[in-house]
Amino acid sequence: MKAMKKKTYLFLTLIMALMTFSACSDDDDEAVGTQNPEQEVAGTYIGTWNQKLTNSSGELQDENEATGTIELSANRQWVANVTLKQADPVVKEEISDVANCSGNSTSGYILTNNKSANLGNFSAKVTNGEITFIYVTTITEGRKTYTSTNTFTGTLTTAE
């Protein structure tokens, strides 16, 4: 009986020792997100602006297109500076703001700001050096209200 218990304990000890080493892995799993996404997206993007102006009924009132530039730079961790360069008639003057920045190189980086003082609500996605940016503003002229939907698609030309 004692010999049986001794063999059982040795067997269990051996199994425990093997399980300790089998739990370790030396493969390098890709990180879900980067710790500095604001640095990954930093640079100058050149592309095309498209502006659609609709009335309160959703009817298209005007449409404009322009070549433009967006500059993204690192502000602090998880935050990027966003600067829209003047591109008449869509962007009347240079506008700067900040955006929350998250994501990774696999699925893309997302920039958002829903409490913006300068641009209104905006969002952008950067994937493989390509940016898609959108911001919407409301314009009131007298008693008429218009919605300006501004989209930009561009390519990274200069990385910071």
C-alpha atoms as a PDB file:
ATOM      1  CA  MET A   1       0.000   0.000   0.000  1.00  0.00           C
ATOM      2  CA  LYS A   2       2.839   2.420   0.880  1.00  0.00           C
ATOM      3  CA  ALA A   3       4.582   1.629  -2.393  1.00  0.00           C
ATOM      4  CA  MET A   4       1.375   2.454  -4.289  1.00  0.00           C
ATOM      5  CA  LYS A   5       1.013   5.839  -2.515  1.00  0.00           C
ATOM      6  CA  LYS A   6       4.669   6.625  -3.165  1.00  0.00           C
ATOM      7  CA  LYS A   7       4.285   5.893  -6.899  1.00  0.00           C
ATOM      8  CA  THR A   8       1.098   7.975  -7.032  1.00  0.00           C
ATOM      9  CA  TYR A   9       2.827  10.953  -5.366  1.00  0.00           C
ATOM     10  CA  LEU A  10       5.822  10.653  -7.701  1.00  0.00           C
ATOM     11  CA  PHE A  11       3.491  10.456 -10.700  1.00  0.00           C
ATOM     12  CA  LEU A  12       1.526  13.539  -9.566  1.00  0.00           C
ATOM     13  CA  THR A  13       4.748  15.435  -8.836  1.00  0.00           C
ATOM     14  CA  LEU A  14       6.056  14.605 -12.311  1.00  0.00           C
ATOM     15  CA  ILE A  15       2.790  15.780 -13.910  1.00  0.00           C
ATOM     16  CA  MET A  16       2.853  19.039 -11.911  1.00  0.00           C
ATOM     17  CA  ALA A  17       6.454  19.689 -12.971  1.00  0.00           C
ATOM     18  CA  LEU A  18       5.621  19.057 -16.638  1.00  0.00           C
ATOM     19  CA  MET A  19       2.556  21.317 -16.489  1.00  0.00           C
ATOM     20  CA  THR A  20       4.662  24.132 -15.070  1.00  0.00           C
ATOM     21  CA  PHE A  21       6.902  24.156 -18.149  1.00  0.00           C
ATOM     22  CA  SER A  22       4.174  23.491 -20.685  1.00  0.00           C
ATOM     23  CA  ALA A  23       2.357  26.714 -19.736  1.00  0.00           C
ATOM     24  CA  CYS A  24       5.228  28.858 -21.014  1.00  0.00           C
ATOM     25  CA  SER A  25       5.286  30.019 -24.587  1.00  0.00           C
ATOM     26  CA  ASP A  26       8.137  31.610 -26.489  1.00  0.00           C
ATOM     27  CA  ASP A  27       6.111  32.769 -29.499  1.00  0.00           C
ATOM     28  CA  ASP A  28       5.825  36.513 -29.994  1.00  0.00           C
ATOM     29  CA  ASP A  29       2.174  37.393 -30.309  1.00  0.00           C
ATOM     30  CA  GLU A  30       1.513  40.703 -32.039  1.00  0.00           C
ATOM     31  CA  ALA A  31       0.324  43.398 -29.668  1.00  0.00           C
ATOM     32  CA  VAL A  32      -3.355  44.280 -29.904  1.00  0.00           C
ATOM     33  CA  GLY A  33      -2.645  48.000 -29.881  1.00  0.00           C
ATOM     34  CA  THR A  34       0.400  50.193 -29.964  1.00  0.00           C
ATOM     35  CA  GLN A  35       1.311  52.336 -26.987  1.00  0.00           C
ATOM     36  CA  ASN A  36       2.014  55.362 -29.210  1.00  0.00           C
ATOM     37  CA  PRO A  37      -0.560  55.448 -32.021  1.00  0.00           C
ATOM     38  CA  GLU A  38      -0.228  59.240 -32.244  1.00  0.00           C
ATOM     39  CA  GLN A  39       3.379  58.776 -33.405  1.00  0.00           C
ATOM     40  CA  GLU A  40       2.405  56.100 -35.929  1.00  0.00           C
ATOM     41  CA  VAL A  41      -0.054  58.394 -37.760  1.00  0.00           C
ATOM     42  CA  ALA A  42       2.062  61.573 -37.616  1.00  0.00           C
ATOM     43  CA  GLY A  43       2.806  63.140 -40.974  1.00  0.00           C
ATOM     44  CA  THR A  44       1.455  65.168 -43.882  1.00  0.00           C
ATOM     45  CA  TYR A  45      -1.388  63.749 -45.964  1.00  0.00           C
ATOM     46  CA  ILE A  46      -2.288  65.205 -49.374  1.00  0.00           C
ATOM     47  CA  GLY A  47      -5.589  64.384 -51.018  1.00  0.00           C
ATOM     48  CA  THR A  48      -9.034  65.546 -52.064  1.00  0.00           C
ATOM     49  CA  TRP A  49     -11.728  67.313 -50.069  1.00  0.00           C
ATOM     50  CA  ASN A  50     -15.382  66.833 -50.954  1.00  0.00           C
ATOM     51  CA  GLN A  51     -18.038  69.062 -49.416  1.00  0.00           C
ATOM     52  CA  LYS A  52     -21.784  68.444 -49.600  1.00  0.00           C
ATOM     53  CA  LEU A  53     -24.141  71.118 -48.348  1.00  0.00           C
ATOM     54  CA  THR A  54     -27.682  69.936 -47.605  1.00  0.00           C
ATOM     55  CA  ASN A  55     -30.715  71.781 -46.282  1.00  0.00           C
ATOM     56  CA  SER A  56     -32.817  70.737 -43.296  1.00  0.00           C
ATOM     57  CA  SER A  57     -34.834  68.418 -45.597  1.00  0.00           C
ATOM     58  CA  GLY A  58     -31.652  66.615 -46.664  1.00  0.00           C
ATOM     59  CA  GLU A  59     -31.731  68.011 -50.215  1.00  0.00           C
ATOM     60  CA  LEU A  60     -28.333  68.684 -51.790  1.00  0.00           C
ATOM     61  CA  GLN A  61     -27.835  72.455 -52.149  1.00  0.00           C
ATOM     62  CA  ASP A  62     -24.187  72.662 -53.190  1.00  0.00           C
ATOM     63  CA  GLU A  63     -21.158  70.456 -53.728  1.00  0.00           C
ATOM     64  CA  ASN A  64     -17.492  71.473 -53.816  1.00  0.00           C
ATOM     65  CA  GLU A  65     -14.179  69.711 -54.340  1.00  0.00           C
ATOM     66  CA  ALA A  66     -10.632  70.848 -53.593  1.00  0.00           C
ATOM     67  CA  THR A  67      -7.114  69.500 -53.242  1.00  0.00           C
ATOM     68  CA  GLY A  68      -5.925  69.820 -49.669  1.00  0.00           C
ATOM     69  CA  THR A  69      -3.564  68.839 -46.900  1.00  0.00           C
ATOM     70  CA  ILE A  70      -4.011  67.448 -43.400  1.00  0.00           C
ATOM     71  CA  GLU A  71      -1.130  67.410 -40.937  1.00  0.00           C
ATOM     72  CA  LEU A  72      -1.143  65.037 -37.962  1.00  0.00           C
ATOM     73  CA  SER A  73       1.426  65.360 -35.190  1.00  0.00           C
ATOM     74  CA  ALA A  74       1.921  63.716 -31.819  1.00  0.00           C
ATOM     75  CA  ASN A  75       0.611  65.779 -28.909  1.00  0.00           C
ATOM     76  CA  ARG A  76       0.929  63.354 -25.992  1.00  0.00           C
ATOM     77  CA  GLN A  77       0.231  59.650 -25.543  1.00  0.00           C
ATOM     78  CA  TRP A  78      -3.080  58.722 -27.228  1.00  0.00           C
ATOM     79  CA  VAL A  79      -3.625  62.320 -28.461  1.00  0.00           C
ATOM     80  CA  ALA A  80      -2.765  63.801 -31.877  1.00  0.00           C
ATOM     81  CA  ASN A  81      -2.827  67.367 -33.192  1.00  0.00           C
ATOM     82  CA  VAL A  82      -4.921  67.717 -36.356  1.00  0.00           C
ATOM     83  CA  THR A  83      -4.346  70.651 -38.722  1.00  0.00           C
ATOM     84  CA  LEU A  84      -6.454  71.183 -41.832  1.00  0.00           C
ATOM     85  CA  LYS A  85      -4.628  73.440 -44.292  1.00  0.00           C
ATOM     86  CA  GLN A  86      -6.606  75.991 -46.294  1.00  0.00           C
ATOM     87  CA  ALA A  87      -8.231  74.458 -49.400  1.00  0.00           C
ATOM     88  CA  ASP A  88     -10.772  76.855 -50.921  1.00  0.00           C
ATOM     89  CA  PRO A  89     -13.713  76.535 -51.166  1.00  0.00           C
ATOM     90  CA  VAL A  90     -14.003  73.609 -48.705  1.00  0.00           C
ATOM     91  CA  VAL A  91     -11.585  74.676 -45.949  1.00  0.00           C
ATOM     92  CA  LYS A  92     -11.704  78.485 -45.853  1.00  0.00           C
ATOM     93  CA  GLU A  93      -8.791  78.908 -43.430  1.00  0.00           C
ATOM     94  CA  GLU A  94      -6.299  76.752 -41.546  1.00  0.00           C
ATOM     95  CA  ILE A  95      -7.992  74.968 -38.637  1.00  0.00           C
ATOM     96  CA  SER A  96      -6.293  73.058 -35.816  1.00  0.00           C
ATOM     97  CA  ASP A  97      -7.670  70.806 -33.109  1.00  0.00           C
ATOM     98  CA  VAL A  98      -6.796  67.697 -31.097  1.00  0.00           C
ATOM     99  CA  ALA A  99      -8.098  64.143 -31.391  1.00  0.00           C
ATOM    100  CA  ASN A 100      -8.064  60.952 -29.368  1.00  0.00           C
ATOM    101  CA  CYS A 101      -5.969  58.367 -31.183  1.00  0.00           C
ATOM    102  CA  SER A 102      -6.079  54.573 -30.867  1.00  0.00           C
ATOM    103  CA  GLY A 103      -5.645  51.398 -32.881  1.00  0.00           C
ATOM    104  CA  ASN A 104      -2.839  49.416 -34.441  1.00  0.00           C
ATOM    105  CA  SER A 105      -1.106  48.860 -37.770  1.00  0.00           C
ATOM    106  CA  THR A 106      -3.188  45.771 -38.585  1.00  0.00           C
ATOM    107  CA  SER A 107      -6.716  47.156 -38.311  1.00  0.00           C
ATOM    108  CA  GLY A 108      -5.872  50.846 -38.655  1.00  0.00           C
ATOM    109  CA  TYR A 109      -5.693  53.875 -36.413  1.00  0.00           C
ATOM    110  CA  ILE A 110      -8.790  55.838 -35.403  1.00  0.00           C
ATOM    111  CA  LEU A 111      -8.838  59.545 -34.554  1.00  0.00           C
ATOM    112  CA  THR A 112     -11.981  61.007 -32.992  1.00  0.00           C
ATOM    113  CA  ASN A 113     -13.160  64.154 -31.303  1.00  0.00           C
ATOM    114  CA  ASN A 114     -16.738  64.709 -30.224  1.00  0.00           C
ATOM    115  CA  LYS A 115     -16.168  67.831 -28.118  1.00  0.00           C
ATOM    116  CA  SER A 116     -14.266  69.906 -30.596  1.00  0.00           C
ATOM    117  CA  ALA A 117     -14.371  73.669 -30.434  1.00  0.00           C
ATOM    118  CA  ASN A 118     -12.798  74.340 -33.827  1.00  0.00           C
ATOM    119  CA  LEU A 119     -13.946  71.624 -36.239  1.00  0.00           C
ATOM    120  CA  GLY A 120     -17.147  70.268 -34.782  1.00  0.00           C
ATOM    121  CA  ASN A 121     -17.369  66.492 -34.403  1.00  0.00           C
ATOM    122  CA  PHE A 122     -14.827  64.706 -36.558  1.00  0.00           C
ATOM    123  CA  SER A 123     -13.315  61.290 -37.083  1.00  0.00           C
ATOM    124  CA  ALA A 124     -10.594  59.771 -39.214  1.00  0.00           C
ATOM    125  CA  LYS A 125      -9.140  56.381 -40.010  1.00  0.00           C
ATOM    126  CA  VAL A 126      -5.533  55.865 -41.070  1.00  0.00           C
ATOM    127  CA  THR A 127      -4.579  52.540 -42.636  1.00  0.00           C
ATOM    128  CA  ASN A 128      -1.344  51.798 -44.510  1.00  0.00           C
ATOM    129  CA  GLY A 129      -0.563  55.470 -45.120  1.00  0.00           C
ATOM    130  CA  GLU A 130      -4.078  56.300 -46.353  1.00  0.00           C
ATOM    131  CA  ILE A 131      -6.410  58.621 -44.433  1.00  0.00           C
ATOM    132  CA  THR A 132     -10.172  59.040 -44.570  1.00  0.00           C
ATOM    133  CA  PHE A 133     -11.333  62.077 -42.613  1.00  0.00           C
ATOM    134  CA  ILE A 134     -14.855  63.422 -42.051  1.00  0.00           C
ATOM    135  CA  TYR A 135     -16.299  66.344 -40.180  1.00  0.00           C
ATOM    136  CA  VAL A 136     -19.800  67.754 -40.156  1.00  0.00           C
ATOM    137  CA  THR A 137     -20.793  71.310 -39.318  1.00  0.00           C
ATOM    138  CA  THR A 138     -24.114  73.116 -39.120  1.00  0.00           C
ATOM    139  CA  ILE A 139     -24.463  76.483 -40.829  1.00  0.00           C
ATOM    140  CA  THR A 140     -27.303  78.872 -40.059  1.00  0.00           C
ATOM    141  CA  GLU A 141     -28.187  81.673 -42.481  1.00  0.00           C
ATOM    142  CA  GLY A 142     -31.178  83.630 -41.264  1.00  0.00           C
ATOM    143  CA  ARG A 143     -33.885  81.067 -40.565  1.00  0.00           C
ATOM    144  CA  LYS A 144     -32.323  78.437 -42.826  1.00  0.00           C
ATOM    145  CA  THR A 145     -30.083  75.689 -41.489  1.00  0.00           C
ATOM    146  CA  TYR A 146     -27.612  73.776 -43.635  1.00  0.00           C
ATOM    147  CA  THR A 147     -25.429  70.778 -42.890  1.00  0.00           C
ATOM    148  CA  SER A 148     -21.945  70.723 -44.377  1.00  0.00           C
ATOM    149  CA  THR A 149     -20.494  67.210 -44.650  1.00  0.00           C
ATOM    150  CA  ASN A 150     -16.776  67.420 -45.427  1.00  0.00           C
ATOM    151  CA  THR A 151     -14.776  64.323 -46.364  1.00  0.00           C
ATOM    152  CA  PHE A 152     -11.096  63.989 -47.181  1.00  0.00           C
ATOM    153  CA  THR A 153      -9.221  61.047 -48.641  1.00  0.00           C
ATOM    154  CA  GLY A 154      -5.470  61.301 -48.899  1.00  0.00           C
ATOM    155  CA  THR A 155      -2.090  59.637 -48.851  1.00  0.00           C
ATOM    156  CA  LEU A 156       0.833  60.070 -46.467  1.00  0.00           C
ATOM    157  CA  THR A 157       3.546  62.072 -48.221  1.00  0.00           C
ATOM    158  CA  THR A 158       5.824  63.010 -45.327  1.00  0.00           C
ATOM    159  CA  ALA A 159       6.114  61.019 -42.103  1.00  0.00           C
ATOM    160  CA  GLU A 160       7.289  62.742 -38.930  1.00  0.00           C
END
